[in-house]
C-alpha cells in the first residue's frame, strides 16, 4: 500500500506538469481499482455490441463467447500491468502507487474552472480506452472464427490511436523550459502536428542537417595531445569537432610516457598539440591562425586522401602505462586454483534444495591437509582464511568455513556472479588485492579523463560511441576487475561516497555500452537490477549501490523491500543514513538526470552541493512567482523521504540550492500555503 508522507500540509495542490493529474495518469494507465472496474464494465457493454453484430457466429458455438471474454480480460490485465509501470526501479513494484501519489490534492480551495476542465478530457480518455479495448475484442473474435484478414489492420489502427494519444499527452505535459532542454536532438524529439506533409518535410530537413554534422571520412589520422584541466585543450577539442574532424586524443596525464614523444616532435611538453599524420600543426593559436588564413583547409584536403606513414604517432596501445596488471601474485590465489582442479565440484542437495557447482567442506579440508602439510584443525583455519579473502563462501552463508558436509562455492562459480557480474570475465584474478584507496584513486583519475574527453562541457551529453572504442574505457574494465576481493567495510564516509558515486556513473556507462539503452520500464528494471559488479566478494547492481549503499539501505521508490536484508553482508558497507545530495550526482544515462562529473573524497560535500545547485538552477526546480507554481523534477518526488517528511520540507530543502532571490520567494509562497507543485515529466531518453 502507498504511504502518505507525514506532516500532511493543506497549502499545496499537487499535479503533474502541463495538465491535470487525472489525464496524465489515464495516459500512463496508472489508475485506481474503481476506474479499472468502470473500464471493464465499458468493455462488457462494447463487447455486447460486438456480439450483436456477430450473433449468427456466436449461436453456432455456445462456448465461443466465454472463451473470447476470458481472452479479452486476460489481454486487458496484461496491458494494464505492462503499461502502468511508469518508473520501474529494482525490486517489487506496487501497481498503482504512483497514481495514488500523483493524484493527491492538498489545496483547501480548488479552482472550479480548473476542476471543471478535467472531466471532458477524462471522458475523452475513457472513451478512447473503451474504444481501444473494443477493437481488441473484435480482433479476438476474428481470430477465433479464423477470419484473420482484418486483424493486422485493426491492430495497426489501435496502435496508431494509442501512440497519437500518448504523444498528445506528452506534448501537453511538457513545460516550455523542459521542452527546450529536451529538444536539443531534433531527430529524437517528435512533435504531433495536424499538417503531416509539412512535418515530414521538416523531418527530412532535420535529417539532412544531422548528416552534415557527421565526421568527415578520412584516410589520415589526427592526434590531439591534451592534459587534465586544460582550458586550451577543451577549446582545441571543440575546434576539431566544429570542423567535423575525427581525432584520437592522448592525455599525457593518463599516458605519461607520451611526454617524450611530444617533446621530440615539438620541442616542448606544452599542450594542446595537433599532429596530422606525421605533420605537426601546433597548438590552439596555430590552428586558429591556419584557419583564418585558409591554409588549414588545404592541409585537411591532403589529410583526407593520405594514410599516415609509419613515422606518424600511434594511438594509445592496449595496456600502455597501465598498472592494473602489475603487482605481486597472490599465493593464496595459486592454492585456490590448484584446489579447483583437485576437489570435486558438482551439483548437490542440501537441506532439501539443489545447489550448483558446490564442494564439500570435508573434501576441501582433505586437500588443504595434504597440499599444505597441515593437521586437520590447521587446515580448517587455513580454509577460513581463504573464505575471509572472498575466494569462496557457504552456499547459505551459515558459517565462514567448517569441516564436514557443509556446501561451499567458489566466487566465480556463483550463478549470480557468472551470469550477471561484468567485472569478472576470466574468473578470479591471481594478483594480490590492492588497497581500496589506491583503486578508488585510479578510478577517479580515469573517470575524470573520460568525462573530460568524451562528455560535453556541461556534462549533459556523452559520446558513448567514442568511449566504447577508447583505450581509457578498456583500462577502466581492467581496473574494476581489481574490485573482486577488496576490503570496503572500513572506508571512511567521504571516501565511500566519492568511490561509489564514481563507480555508479561509470558502471551505468558500461551497462549502456554492453546492453544498450533501455527502451522501456522492463528494460530499465533489468539494467538497474541485473547488471552487476563483484565488489569485496559481494554483488552490487546500480540499484543496490544507490539505494543500499548511498541511501543507507532505504527502499527504492514503489518497492516494499529494502535492498539488503538483516543478515546481508552488504549492509555492513551501507552508509549509516541517507545522503540526499547523491541524487544530483548519480547519472544513469537519461536526459532528465544530473550532469556527469567526477567526485573526490577531499571535497565531496562541497562538490555535492555544487551539483545540487547546478541541477536545480538549470531547471530541476522552477518557481513561477506570478502563478505561485513550482515545477519540480520527479527526482524530488521519487526520493522525497530523503529530503524531508512531507512536501513542504522537501521544497524547503531544495530552496537552499536555488538563487537567493528565488529561494526567498519560494519560502514566502510556502509560508502563505498557496503553492501548487507540478512535477515535470521525466525524459528517459539517452543523454547522447
Foldseek 3Di string as FASTA:
>chain_A
DADAFPPQFQLAFFAAAQAGNLLLLLLLLLDDPVVVVVLVVLLVVLLVVVCVVVVVVCVVPVCPVVVLNVVLVVVVVVVSVARNCAAFAAFDFDRNNVSVVNNDTRYPDDDPVRVVVPVVSNVVSSVLSSVLSSLVSVLSVCVVVVNNPCNVVSVVVSVVSSVVSSQVSQVSSFDPLRCVLPCPQVQPDDHDDPPVVVSVVVNVVSVVVVVVQAADAAQWAKEWEAEFPDPQSLVVLVVCSVVSHDYFYDYCVQQVVCQVVVCVLPVHSDDGWMQIQARTQGGSVSVVVCVVVVNVVVVVVVSRYDHHDPNGDDHDDAPRVACLPPAAFAPLVVVVVVVVVPFDFAWDDDPNDIDGRKGFLQRQLVVQCVVVVDDSVVSQVVQLVSLQQLQKAFPVNPDSGDHDGTIMHGLCRHPLNVPAAQLQPPHQDRHDQDAPVVLLVVLLVLLSVQCSNAADPQQQFGNLVVLVPHSSVVSVSSSLNSQQRYDQLPDDPLSLLQSLLSVLQSLLSVLCVVPNQDPRNVSNNCQQHRHWHRGNNDIDGSSCSQQVAQALQDDFFSHDHTPDDPPRPCNSRHDNHHDLLSQLRHDNFFNLHHGHDHADSVCRVVVSLVSLLVNCQSPQWDADLVVLEIEHECSCVRPVVRQDSHDLSSLLSSLVSYDPVVSVSNVVSVVVSNHYYHYRDTGSDGSD
